[in-house]
Amino acid sequence: MFRTLISRFLQGLLVLFVLFTVTFFLIKALPYGPFQTEKAIPDHIREKIESYYGLNESIGTQYTRQLGNLLKGDPGVSLRLEGRPVIEIISQAFPNSLQLGIVAMAVAIVIGIPLGVLAAWKKNSSLDYASMAIAMIGICIPSFVIGPLLAENFGRRLEWLPVMGWSPLSPASWVLPAITLGLGTAAYLSRLTRAGMLETLSQDFVRTARAKGVGSMSILTRHCLRGGLIPAVAYIGPAFASIISGSVVIESIFVVPGLGLHFIKAIEVGDAPVILGIVMLYGTLIIIANFATDLLGLWLNPRLRSSN
């Protein structure tokens, strides 16, 4: 088990290095720079600006300097926001994005896992067919379509919930963006949970427990739930990654003051330090989520612990 955890940690470091390298060179391949505005900047002023930020140096020098800054925990300063530190931008906007991601993940788990358990327990019933049909619809409809529909119906027409804005202390402002982000993940979780539960329910020990007169609820909670949730738990890490990356669009739809708006603006103008800082932060969060998922999977499945 310890060897597996060390291996996952080293793999995570390698992934972060590759992510930084690919992102850096993709930024450099953009056909525009951070100082291309509608009003042309004189060449001598442009040269001074690029010299100040080190943009006139070789690609290798810029790569090494940026990598060294990230290893020190300092992505640099924004080229778009007049030298504002990237750390300051992230520290102010990231709490809102993180809160939105956590709430959306909670929505997905609360909806998806119980729905999948019920569908498996009532296999081939109307509840099973209806829940899986709803899950398929949730998978097929993207979040950027669900968001405006929810905003139009529950925000503008019924006026039950605010459509725009975000307040960390106002749960009403969380509802629409969190549900928009969480529904697609809930659909996947329900299908994975159903598949895992059906496989567990078909095992010999379940039939033995029923022959011994063990109650249905006890079979479900004590004998099947732990093993049946393994596929869903394994998906939670990638699901969190999907929610974090998807929040960029949802934050724009519901005007959430998170990292999504800064990320989009940075891409529009080629602000490399901001792009790299946000991408590396997202990558680190995804790796941590996958690492936590691996730990939970080891706890749920003793065979994985014994094989490492």
C-alpha atoms as a PDB file:
ATOM      1  CA  MET A   1       0.000   0.000   0.000  1.00  0.00           C
ATOM      2  CA  PHE A   2       2.797   2.416   0.910  1.00  0.00           C
ATOM      3  CA  ARG A   3       4.550   1.627  -2.375  1.00  0.00           C
ATOM      4  CA  THR A   4       1.351   2.412  -4.280  1.00  0.00           C
ATOM      5  CA  LEU A   5       0.990   5.782  -2.567  1.00  0.00           C
ATOM      6  CA  ILE A   6       4.610   6.725  -3.315  1.00  0.00           C
ATOM      7  CA  SER A   7       4.094   5.711  -6.943  1.00  0.00           C
ATOM      8  CA  ARG A   8       0.964   7.878  -7.200  1.00  0.00           C
ATOM      9  CA  PHE A   9       2.833  10.832  -5.691  1.00  0.00           C
ATOM     10  CA  LEU A  10       5.722  10.560  -8.159  1.00  0.00           C
ATOM     11  CA  GLN A  11       3.286  10.183 -11.048  1.00  0.00           C
ATOM     12  CA  GLY A  12       1.546  13.349  -9.888  1.00  0.00           C
ATOM     13  CA  LEU A  13       4.812  15.309  -9.947  1.00  0.00           C
ATOM     14  CA  LEU A  14       5.527  14.056 -13.471  1.00  0.00           C
ATOM     15  CA  VAL A  15       2.036  15.034 -14.620  1.00  0.00           C
ATOM     16  CA  LEU A  16       2.495  18.551 -13.226  1.00  0.00           C
ATOM     17  CA  PHE A  17       5.813  18.929 -15.032  1.00  0.00           C
ATOM     18  CA  VAL A  18       4.328  17.790 -18.343  1.00  0.00           C
ATOM     19  CA  LEU A  19       1.297  20.028 -17.800  1.00  0.00           C
ATOM     20  CA  PHE A  20       3.508  23.065 -17.214  1.00  0.00           C
ATOM     21  CA  THR A  21       5.664  22.320 -20.266  1.00  0.00           C
ATOM     22  CA  VAL A  22       2.752  21.783 -22.633  1.00  0.00           C
ATOM     23  CA  THR A  23       0.886  24.860 -21.371  1.00  0.00           C
ATOM     24  CA  PHE A  24       3.975  27.091 -21.603  1.00  0.00           C
ATOM     25  CA  PHE A  25       4.705  26.219 -25.225  1.00  0.00           C
ATOM     26  CA  LEU A  26       1.034  26.429 -26.224  1.00  0.00           C
ATOM     27  CA  ILE A  27       0.973  29.982 -24.857  1.00  0.00           C
ATOM     28  CA  LYS A  28       4.098  30.834 -26.811  1.00  0.00           C
ATOM     29  CA  ALA A  29       2.453  29.450 -29.946  1.00  0.00           C
ATOM     30  CA  LEU A  30      -0.425  31.952 -29.719  1.00  0.00           C
ATOM     31  CA  PRO A  31      -0.494  34.334 -32.719  1.00  0.00           C
ATOM     32  CA  TYR A  32      -0.881  37.359 -30.421  1.00  0.00           C
ATOM     33  CA  GLY A  33       0.834  38.800 -27.374  1.00  0.00           C
ATOM     34  CA  PRO A  34      -0.279  40.489 -24.144  1.00  0.00           C
ATOM     35  CA  PHE A  35       0.486  43.987 -25.433  1.00  0.00           C
ATOM     36  CA  GLN A  36      -1.373  43.909 -28.741  1.00  0.00           C
ATOM     37  CA  THR A  37      -4.148  46.433 -28.288  1.00  0.00           C
ATOM     38  CA  GLU A  38      -6.491  48.194 -30.666  1.00  0.00           C
ATOM     39  CA  LYS A  39      -4.253  51.237 -30.485  1.00  0.00           C
ATOM     40  CA  ALA A  40      -0.812  50.406 -31.841  1.00  0.00           C
ATOM     41  CA  ILE A  41       2.056  50.708 -29.364  1.00  0.00           C
ATOM     42  CA  PRO A  42       5.242  52.326 -30.742  1.00  0.00           C
ATOM     43  CA  ASP A  43       8.034  49.844 -31.329  1.00  0.00           C
ATOM     44  CA  HIS A  44      10.451  51.418 -28.839  1.00  0.00           C
ATOM     45  CA  ILE A  45       7.823  51.349 -26.069  1.00  0.00           C
ATOM     46  CA  ARG A  46       6.917  47.756 -26.883  1.00  0.00           C
ATOM     47  CA  GLU A  47      10.594  46.793 -26.689  1.00  0.00           C
ATOM     48  CA  LYS A  48      10.947  48.421 -23.275  1.00  0.00           C
ATOM     49  CA  ILE A  49       7.848  46.663 -21.960  1.00  0.00           C
ATOM     50  CA  GLU A  50       8.998  43.307 -23.269  1.00  0.00           C
ATOM     51  CA  SER A  51      12.447  43.873 -21.789  1.00  0.00           C
ATOM     52  CA  TYR A  52      10.914  44.734 -18.414  1.00  0.00           C
ATOM     53  CA  TYR A  53       8.933  41.485 -18.319  1.00  0.00           C
ATOM     54  CA  GLY A  54      11.722  39.407 -19.896  1.00  0.00           C
ATOM     55  CA  LEU A  55       9.728  38.637 -23.027  1.00  0.00           C
ATOM     56  CA  ASN A  56      12.652  39.510 -25.288  1.00  0.00           C
ATOM     57  CA  GLU A  57      14.726  36.661 -23.878  1.00  0.00           C
ATOM     58  CA  SER A  58      15.055  33.264 -25.517  1.00  0.00           C
ATOM     59  CA  ILE A  59      12.275  30.700 -25.108  1.00  0.00           C
ATOM     60  CA  GLY A  60      14.577  28.463 -23.078  1.00  0.00           C
ATOM     61  CA  THR A  61      15.440  31.270 -20.657  1.00  0.00           C
ATOM     62  CA  GLN A  62      11.785  32.217 -20.220  1.00  0.00           C
ATOM     63  CA  TYR A  63      10.863  28.563 -19.659  1.00  0.00           C
ATOM     64  CA  THR A  64      13.548  28.069 -17.016  1.00  0.00           C
ATOM     65  CA  ARG A  65      12.680  31.302 -15.221  1.00  0.00           C
ATOM     66  CA  GLN A  66       8.949  30.572 -15.178  1.00  0.00           C
ATOM     67  CA  LEU A  67       9.536  27.013 -13.947  1.00  0.00           C
ATOM     68  CA  GLY A  68      11.815  28.295 -11.195  1.00  0.00           C
ATOM     69  CA  ASN A  69       9.203  30.847 -10.122  1.00  0.00           C
ATOM     70  CA  LEU A  70       6.535  28.158  -9.880  1.00  0.00           C
ATOM     71  CA  LEU A  71       8.804  25.906  -7.830  1.00  0.00           C
ATOM     72  CA  LYS A  72       9.202  28.825  -5.422  1.00  0.00           C
ATOM     73  CA  GLY A  73       5.416  29.217  -5.259  1.00  0.00           C
ATOM     74  CA  ASP A  74       5.388  32.514  -7.153  1.00  0.00           C
ATOM     75  CA  PRO A  75       3.968  32.407 -10.728  1.00  0.00           C
ATOM     76  CA  GLY A  76       4.980  36.043 -11.261  1.00  0.00           C
ATOM     77  CA  VAL A  77       2.932  39.119 -12.073  1.00  0.00           C
ATOM     78  CA  SER A  78       0.057  39.628 -14.471  1.00  0.00           C
ATOM     79  CA  LEU A  79       0.895  41.231 -17.805  1.00  0.00           C
ATOM     80  CA  ARG A  80      -2.696  42.407 -18.236  1.00  0.00           C
ATOM     81  CA  LEU A  81      -3.454  43.829 -14.793  1.00  0.00           C
ATOM     82  CA  GLU A  82      -0.490  46.214 -14.573  1.00  0.00           C
ATOM     83  CA  GLY A  83       1.885  43.970 -12.694  1.00  0.00           C
ATOM     84  CA  ARG A  84      -0.585  42.630 -10.150  1.00  0.00           C
ATOM     85  CA  PRO A  85       0.842  39.448  -8.519  1.00  0.00           C
ATOM     86  CA  VAL A  86      -0.759  36.249  -9.782  1.00  0.00           C
ATOM     87  CA  ILE A  87      -0.810  34.905  -6.211  1.00  0.00           C
ATOM     88  CA  GLU A  88      -2.969  37.858  -5.195  1.00  0.00           C
ATOM     89  CA  ILE A  89      -5.393  37.235  -8.080  1.00  0.00           C
ATOM     90  CA  ILE A  90      -5.695  33.552  -7.205  1.00  0.00           C
ATOM     91  CA  SER A  91      -6.043  34.125  -3.459  1.00  0.00           C
ATOM     92  CA  GLN A  92      -8.957  36.510  -4.000  1.00  0.00           C
ATOM     93  CA  ALA A  93     -10.839  34.541  -6.669  1.00  0.00           C
ATOM     94  CA  PHE A  94     -10.048  30.913  -5.865  1.00  0.00           C
ATOM     95  CA  PRO A  95     -12.144  30.603  -2.665  1.00  0.00           C
ATOM     96  CA  ASN A  96     -15.303  31.265  -4.692  1.00  0.00           C
ATOM     97  CA  SER A  97     -14.340  28.700  -7.343  1.00  0.00           C
ATOM     98  CA  LEU A  98     -13.432  26.132  -4.695  1.00  0.00           C
ATOM     99  CA  GLN A  99     -16.679  26.677  -2.825  1.00  0.00           C
ATOM    100  CA  LEU A 100     -18.657  26.303  -6.040  1.00  0.00           C
ATOM    101  CA  GLY A 101     -16.792  23.093  -6.924  1.00  0.00           C
ATOM    102  CA  ILE A 102     -17.332  21.550  -3.484  1.00  0.00           C
ATOM    103  CA  VAL A 103     -21.041  22.386  -3.434  1.00  0.00           C
ATOM    104  CA  ALA A 104     -21.479  21.045  -6.986  1.00  0.00           C
ATOM    105  CA  MET A 105     -19.657  17.837  -6.043  1.00  0.00           C
ATOM    106  CA  ALA A 106     -21.906  17.471  -3.010  1.00  0.00           C
ATOM    107  CA  VAL A 107     -24.967  17.909  -5.248  1.00  0.00           C
ATOM    108  CA  ALA A 108     -23.659  15.219  -7.595  1.00  0.00           C
ATOM    109  CA  ILE A 109     -23.017  12.745  -4.773  1.00  0.00           C
ATOM    110  CA  VAL A 110     -26.311  13.376  -2.985  1.00  0.00           C
ATOM    111  CA  ILE A 111     -28.307  12.897  -6.198  1.00  0.00           C
ATOM    112  CA  GLY A 112     -26.255  10.350  -8.143  1.00  0.00           C
ATOM    113  CA  ILE A 113     -25.308   7.693  -5.594  1.00  0.00           C
ATOM    114  CA  PRO A 114     -28.728   7.187  -3.940  1.00  0.00           C
ATOM    115  CA  LEU A 115     -30.369   7.134  -7.379  1.00  0.00           C
ATOM    116  CA  GLY A 116     -27.967   4.443  -8.579  1.00  0.00           C
ATOM    117  CA  VAL A 117     -28.452   2.350  -5.429  1.00  0.00           C
ATOM    118  CA  LEU A 118     -32.236   2.480  -5.764  1.00  0.00           C
ATOM    119  CA  ALA A 119     -32.081   1.643  -9.475  1.00  0.00           C
ATOM    120  CA  ALA A 120     -29.949  -1.439  -8.768  1.00  0.00           C
ATOM    121  CA  TRP A 121     -32.095  -2.533  -5.831  1.00  0.00           C
ATOM    122  CA  LYS A 122     -35.239  -2.228  -7.990  1.00  0.00           C
ATOM    123  CA  LYS A 123     -33.668  -3.677 -11.135  1.00  0.00           C
ATOM    124  CA  ASN A 124     -35.891  -3.747 -14.245  1.00  0.00           C
ATOM    125  CA  SER A 125     -38.618  -1.807 -12.459  1.00  0.00           C
ATOM    126  CA  SER A 126     -40.190   1.456 -13.555  1.00  0.00           C
ATOM    127  CA  LEU A 127     -37.969   3.257 -11.028  1.00  0.00           C
ATOM    128  CA  ASP A 128     -34.894   1.700 -12.619  1.00  0.00           C
ATOM    129  CA  TYR A 129     -35.917   2.639 -16.151  1.00  0.00           C
ATOM    130  CA  ALA A 130     -36.963   6.168 -15.200  1.00  0.00           C
ATOM    131  CA  SER A 131     -33.815   6.942 -13.214  1.00  0.00           C
ATOM    132  CA  MET A 132     -31.488   5.644 -15.934  1.00  0.00           C
ATOM    133  CA  ALA A 133     -33.418   7.572 -18.604  1.00  0.00           C
ATOM    134  CA  ILE A 134     -33.003  10.755 -16.561  1.00  0.00           C
ATOM    135  CA  ALA A 135     -29.314   9.952 -16.113  1.00  0.00           C
ATOM    136  CA  MET A 136     -28.864   9.536 -19.865  1.00  0.00           C
ATOM    137  CA  ILE A 137     -30.507  12.909 -20.466  1.00  0.00           C
ATOM    138  CA  GLY A 138     -28.179  14.474 -17.903  1.00  0.00           C
ATOM    139  CA  ILE A 139     -25.169  12.999 -19.684  1.00  0.00           C
ATOM    140  CA  CYS A 140     -26.275  14.179 -23.122  1.00  0.00           C
ATOM    141  CA  ILE A 141     -27.153  17.789 -22.243  1.00  0.00           C
ATOM    142  CA  PRO A 142     -24.050  19.933 -21.557  1.00  0.00           C
ATOM    143  CA  SER A 143     -23.883  22.255 -18.562  1.00  0.00           C
ATOM    144  CA  PHE A 144     -23.767  25.401 -20.702  1.00  0.00           C
ATOM    145  CA  VAL A 145     -27.247  24.474 -21.955  1.00  0.00           C
ATOM    146  CA  ILE A 146     -28.642  23.493 -18.547  1.00  0.00           C
ATOM    147  CA  GLY A 147     -27.411  26.709 -16.928  1.00  0.00           C
ATOM    148  CA  PRO A 148     -29.354  29.220 -19.047  1.00  0.00           C
ATOM    149  CA  LEU A 149     -32.484  27.024 -18.865  1.00  0.00           C
ATOM    150  CA  LEU A 150     -32.367  26.938 -15.071  1.00  0.00           C
ATOM    151  CA  ALA A 151     -31.643  30.653 -14.913  1.00  0.00           C
ATOM    152  CA  GLU A 152     -34.556  31.485 -17.205  1.00  0.00           C
ATOM    153  CA  ASN A 153     -37.131  29.308 -15.447  1.00  0.00           C
ATOM    154  CA  PHE A 154     -36.182  29.487 -11.764  1.00  0.00           C
ATOM    155  CA  GLY A 155     -34.523  32.877 -11.816  1.00  0.00           C
ATOM    156  CA  ARG A 156     -36.303  35.198 -14.207  1.00  0.00           C
ATOM    157  CA  ARG A 157     -39.760  33.643 -14.509  1.00  0.00           C
ATOM    158  CA  LEU A 158     -40.418  32.252 -11.047  1.00  0.00           C
ATOM    159  CA  GLU A 159     -37.942  34.565  -9.266  1.00  0.00           C
ATOM    160  CA  TRP A 160     -37.129  31.867  -6.723  1.00  0.00           C
ATOM    161  CA  LEU A 161     -33.358  32.196  -6.915  1.00  0.00           C
ATOM    162  CA  PRO A 162     -30.839  34.859  -7.952  1.00  0.00           C
ATOM    163  CA  VAL A 163     -29.570  34.482 -11.504  1.00  0.00           C
ATOM    164  CA  MET A 164     -26.314  36.415 -11.230  1.00  0.00           C
ATOM    165  CA  GLY A 165     -23.803  37.120  -8.528  1.00  0.00           C
ATOM    166  CA  TRP A 166     -22.257  35.109  -5.727  1.00  0.00           C
ATOM    167  CA  SER A 167     -22.162  35.520  -1.973  1.00  0.00           C
ATOM    168  CA  PRO A 168     -20.128  33.048   0.126  1.00  0.00           C
ATOM    169  CA  LEU A 169     -22.628  33.472   2.987  1.00  0.00           C
ATOM    170  CA  SER A 170     -25.808  33.265   0.885  1.00  0.00           C
ATOM    171  CA  PRO A 171     -26.736  29.662  -0.028  1.00  0.00           C
ATOM    172  CA  ALA A 172     -29.430  30.941  -2.397  1.00  0.00           C
ATOM    173  CA  SER A 173     -26.733  32.248  -4.740  1.00  0.00           C
ATOM    174  CA  TRP A 174     -25.062  28.829  -4.821  1.00  0.00           C
ATOM    175  CA  VAL A 175     -28.061  26.811  -5.948  1.00  0.00           C
ATOM    176  CA  LEU A 176     -28.279  27.414  -9.698  1.00  0.00           C
ATOM    177  CA  PRO A 177     -24.545  27.276 -10.546  1.00  0.00           C
ATOM    178  CA  ALA A 178     -23.973  24.278  -8.246  1.00  0.00           C
ATOM    179  CA  ILE A 179     -26.894  22.311  -9.690  1.00  0.00           C
ATOM    180  CA  THR A 180     -25.788  23.186 -13.228  1.00  0.00           C
ATOM    181  CA  LEU A 181     -22.304  21.870 -12.550  1.00  0.00           C
ATOM    182  CA  GLY A 182     -23.392  18.869 -10.520  1.00  0.00           C
ATOM    183  CA  LEU A 183     -26.166  17.371 -12.671  1.00  0.00           C
ATOM    184  CA  GLY A 184     -23.924  15.882 -15.339  1.00  0.00           C
ATOM    185  CA  THR A 185     -21.636  14.310 -12.745  1.00  0.00           C
ATOM    186  CA  ALA A 186     -24.664  13.004 -10.841  1.00  0.00           C
ATOM    187  CA  ALA A 187     -25.828  11.240 -14.000  1.00  0.00           C
ATOM    188  CA  TYR A 188     -22.504   9.443 -14.428  1.00  0.00           C
ATOM    189  CA  LEU A 189     -22.346   8.566 -10.734  1.00  0.00           C
ATOM    190  CA  SER A 190     -25.831   7.051 -10.809  1.00  0.00           C
ATOM    191  CA  ARG A 191     -24.965   4.769 -13.722  1.00  0.00           C
ATOM    192  CA  LEU A 192     -21.652   3.699 -12.191  1.00  0.00           C
ATOM    193  CA  THR A 193     -23.272   3.096  -8.816  1.00  0.00           C
ATOM    194  CA  ARG A 194     -26.005   0.995 -10.414  1.00  0.00           C
ATOM    195  CA  ALA A 195     -23.458  -1.125 -12.274  1.00  0.00           C
ATOM    196  CA  GLY A 196     -21.332  -1.647  -9.164  1.00  0.00           C
ATOM    197  CA  MET A 197     -24.316  -2.511  -6.988  1.00  0.00           C
ATOM    198  CA  LEU A 198     -25.694  -4.982  -9.543  1.00  0.00           C
ATOM    199  CA  GLU A 199     -22.366  -6.780  -9.686  1.00  0.00           C
ATOM    200  CA  THR A 200     -22.200  -6.971  -5.895  1.00  0.00           C
ATOM    201  CA  LEU A 201     -25.814  -8.110  -5.555  1.00  0.00           C
ATOM    202  CA  SER A 202     -25.084 -11.022  -7.880  1.00  0.00           C
ATOM    203  CA  GLN A 203     -22.289 -12.413  -5.694  1.00  0.00           C
ATOM    204  CA  ASP A 204     -22.572 -15.711  -3.834  1.00  0.00           C
ATOM    205  CA  PHE A 205     -22.284 -14.155  -0.383  1.00  0.00           C
ATOM    206  CA  VAL A 206     -25.442 -12.133  -1.032  1.00  0.00           C
ATOM    207  CA  ARG A 207     -27.403 -15.267  -1.912  1.00  0.00           C
ATOM    208  CA  THR A 208     -26.003 -16.957   1.202  1.00  0.00           C
ATOM    209  CA  ALA A 209     -27.086 -14.030   3.375  1.00  0.00           C
ATOM    210  CA  ARG A 210     -30.595 -14.173   1.933  1.00  0.00           C
ATOM    211  CA  ALA A 211     -30.745 -17.938   2.531  1.00  0.00           C
ATOM    212  CA  LYS A 212     -29.830 -17.326   6.157  1.00  0.00           C
ATOM    213  CA  GLY A 213     -32.762 -14.935   6.519  1.00  0.00           C
ATOM    214  CA  VAL A 214     -30.798 -11.673   6.675  1.00  0.00           C
ATOM    215  CA  GLY A 215     -33.081  -8.695   6.108  1.00  0.00           C
ATOM    216  CA  SER A 216     -33.069  -6.829   2.807  1.00  0.00           C
ATOM    217  CA  MET A 217     -31.967  -3.532   4.323  1.00  0.00           C
ATOM    218  CA  SER A 218     -29.125  -5.230   6.187  1.00  0.00           C
ATOM    219  CA  ILE A 219     -27.961  -6.950   2.979  1.00  0.00           C
ATOM    220  CA  LEU A 220     -27.991  -3.625   1.162  1.00  0.00           C
ATOM    221  CA  THR A 221     -26.206  -1.520   3.783  1.00  0.00           C
ATOM    222  CA  ARG A 222     -23.869  -4.010   5.472  1.00  0.00           C
ATOM    223  CA  HIS A 223     -23.006  -6.437   2.674  1.00  0.00           C
ATOM    224  CA  CYS A 224     -23.377  -4.655  -0.683  1.00  0.00           C
ATOM    225  CA  LEU A 225     -22.955  -0.927  -0.262  1.00  0.00           C
ATOM    226  CA  ARG A 226     -19.228  -0.875   0.440  1.00  0.00           C
ATOM    227  CA  GLY A 227     -18.279  -3.031  -2.541  1.00  0.00           C
ATOM    228  CA  GLY A 228     -20.905  -1.612  -4.846  1.00  0.00           C
ATOM    229  CA  LEU A 229     -19.630   1.939  -4.450  1.00  0.00           C
ATOM    230  CA  ILE A 230     -16.089   1.180  -5.641  1.00  0.00           C
ATOM    231  CA  PRO A 231     -16.708   2.175  -9.320  1.00  0.00           C
ATOM    232  CA  ALA A 232     -18.418   5.405  -8.247  1.00  0.00           C
ATOM    233  CA  VAL A 233     -15.655   6.265  -5.783  1.00  0.00           C
ATOM    234  CA  ALA A 234     -13.018   5.663  -8.467  1.00  0.00           C
ATOM    235  CA  TYR A 235     -14.824   8.180 -10.671  1.00  0.00           C
ATOM    236  CA  ILE A 236     -15.049  10.928  -8.035  1.00  0.00           C
ATOM    237  CA  GLY A 237     -11.482  12.133  -8.690  1.00  0.00           C
ATOM    238  CA  PRO A 238     -11.959  12.599 -12.451  1.00  0.00           C
ATOM    239  CA  ALA A 239     -15.426  13.972 -11.728  1.00  0.00           C
ATOM    240  CA  PHE A 240     -13.975  16.662  -9.518  1.00  0.00           C
ATOM    241  CA  ALA A 241     -11.577  17.503 -12.338  1.00  0.00           C
ATOM    242  CA  SER A 242     -14.524  17.840 -14.702  1.00  0.00           C
ATOM    243  CA  ILE A 243     -16.366  20.093 -12.289  1.00  0.00           C
ATOM    244  CA  ILE A 244     -13.356  22.345 -11.745  1.00  0.00           C
ATOM    245  CA  SER A 245     -12.689  22.735 -15.472  1.00  0.00           C
ATOM    246  CA  GLY A 246     -16.393  23.154 -16.219  1.00  0.00           C
ATOM    247  CA  SER A 247     -16.713  25.931 -13.669  1.00  0.00           C
ATOM    248  CA  VAL A 248     -14.909  28.284 -16.061  1.00  0.00           C
ATOM    249  CA  VAL A 249     -17.981  28.437 -18.309  1.00  0.00           C
ATOM    250  CA  ILE A 250     -20.533  28.342 -15.485  1.00  0.00           C
ATOM    251  CA  GLU A 251     -18.822  31.198 -13.673  1.00  0.00           C
ATOM    252  CA  SER A 252     -19.237  33.295 -16.798  1.00  0.00           C
ATOM    253  CA  ILE A 253     -22.933  32.388 -17.137  1.00  0.00           C
ATOM    254  CA  PHE A 254     -23.845  33.170 -13.518  1.00  0.00           C
ATOM    255  CA  VAL A 255     -21.241  35.946 -13.043  1.00  0.00           C
ATOM    256  CA  VAL A 256     -19.442  34.153 -10.224  1.00  0.00           C
ATOM    257  CA  PRO A 257     -16.276  36.124  -9.270  1.00  0.00           C
ATOM    258  CA  GLY A 258     -14.017  33.094  -9.463  1.00  0.00           C
ATOM    259  CA  LEU A 259     -10.942  32.091 -11.408  1.00  0.00           C
ATOM    260  CA  GLY A 260     -12.968  31.389 -14.537  1.00  0.00           C
ATOM    261  CA  LEU A 261     -13.304  35.039 -15.507  1.00  0.00           C
ATOM    262  CA  HIS A 262      -9.597  35.705 -14.955  1.00  0.00           C
ATOM    263  CA  PHE A 263      -8.704  32.575 -16.918  1.00  0.00           C
ATOM    264  CA  ILE A 264     -10.801  33.558 -19.936  1.00  0.00           C
ATOM    265  CA  LYS A 265      -9.453  37.121 -19.954  1.00  0.00           C
ATOM    266  CA  ALA A 266      -5.881  35.854 -19.621  1.00  0.00           C
ATOM    267  CA  ILE A 267      -6.311  33.580 -22.646  1.00  0.00           C
ATOM    268  CA  GLU A 268      -7.820  36.414 -24.678  1.00  0.00           C
ATOM    269  CA  VAL A 269      -4.712  38.569 -24.208  1.00  0.00           C
ATOM    270  CA  GLY A 270      -2.047  35.874 -23.799  1.00  0.00           C
ATOM    271  CA  ASP A 271      -1.260  36.673 -20.148  1.00  0.00           C
ATOM    272  CA  ALA A 272       1.150  33.768 -19.611  1.00  0.00           C
ATOM    273  CA  PRO A 273       1.779  34.080 -15.832  1.00  0.00           C
ATOM    274  CA  VAL A 274      -1.951  34.086 -15.033  1.00  0.00           C
ATOM    275  CA  ILE A 275      -2.685  31.208 -17.410  1.00  0.00           C
ATOM    276  CA  LEU A 276       0.157  29.107 -16.010  1.00  0.00           C
ATOM    277  CA  GLY A 277      -0.738  29.908 -12.411  1.00  0.00           C
ATOM    278  CA  ILE A 278      -4.383  28.908 -12.824  1.00  0.00           C
ATOM    279  CA  VAL A 279      -3.615  25.817 -14.934  1.00  0.00           C
ATOM    280  CA  MET A 280      -1.064  24.554 -12.411  1.00  0.00           C
ATOM    281  CA  LEU A 281      -3.465  25.204  -9.551  1.00  0.00           C
ATOM    282  CA  TYR A 282      -6.211  23.241 -11.302  1.00  0.00           C
ATOM    283  CA  GLY A 283      -3.755  20.452 -12.106  1.00  0.00           C
ATOM    284  CA  THR A 284      -2.622  20.244  -8.480  1.00  0.00           C
ATOM    285  CA  LEU A 285      -6.207  20.078  -7.253  1.00  0.00           C
ATOM    286  CA  ILE A 286      -7.024  17.300  -9.710  1.00  0.00           C
ATOM    287  CA  ILE A 287      -4.000  15.264  -8.626  1.00  0.00           C
ATOM    288  CA  ILE A 288      -4.903  15.723  -4.953  1.00  0.00           C
ATOM    289  CA  ALA A 289      -8.478  14.632  -5.682  1.00  0.00           C
ATOM    290  CA  ASN A 290      -7.269  11.527  -7.521  1.00  0.00           C
ATOM    291  CA  PHE A 291      -4.857  10.748  -4.688  1.00  0.00           C
ATOM    292  CA  ALA A 292      -7.674  10.993  -2.150  1.00  0.00           C
ATOM    293  CA  THR A 293      -9.794   8.764  -4.394  1.00  0.00           C
ATOM    294  CA  ASP A 294      -7.031   6.145  -4.446  1.00  0.00           C
ATOM    295  CA  LEU A 295      -6.884   6.202  -0.632  1.00  0.00           C
ATOM    296  CA  LEU A 296     -10.643   5.773  -0.396  1.00  0.00           C
ATOM    297  CA  GLY A 297     -10.540   2.942  -2.936  1.00  0.00           C
ATOM    298  CA  LEU A 298      -7.896   1.137  -0.885  1.00  0.00           C
ATOM    299  CA  TRP A 299     -10.096   1.468   2.173  1.00  0.00           C
ATOM    300  CA  LEU A 300     -13.187   0.169   0.395  1.00  0.00           C
ATOM    301  CA  ASN A 301     -11.453  -2.755  -1.320  1.00  0.00           C
ATOM    302  CA  PRO A 302      -9.201  -4.844   0.997  1.00  0.00           C
ATOM    303  CA  ARG A 303      -7.925  -6.846  -1.992  1.00  0.00           C
ATOM    304  CA  LEU A 304      -6.136  -3.742  -3.279  1.00  0.00           C
ATOM    305  CA  ARG A 305      -4.370  -3.325   0.062  1.00  0.00           C
ATOM    306  CA  SER A 306      -3.234  -6.929   0.152  1.00  0.00           C
ATOM    307  CA  SER A 307      -1.917  -6.810  -3.418  1.00  0.00           C
ATOM    308  CA  ASN A 308       0.444  -3.889  -2.711  1.00  0.00           C
END
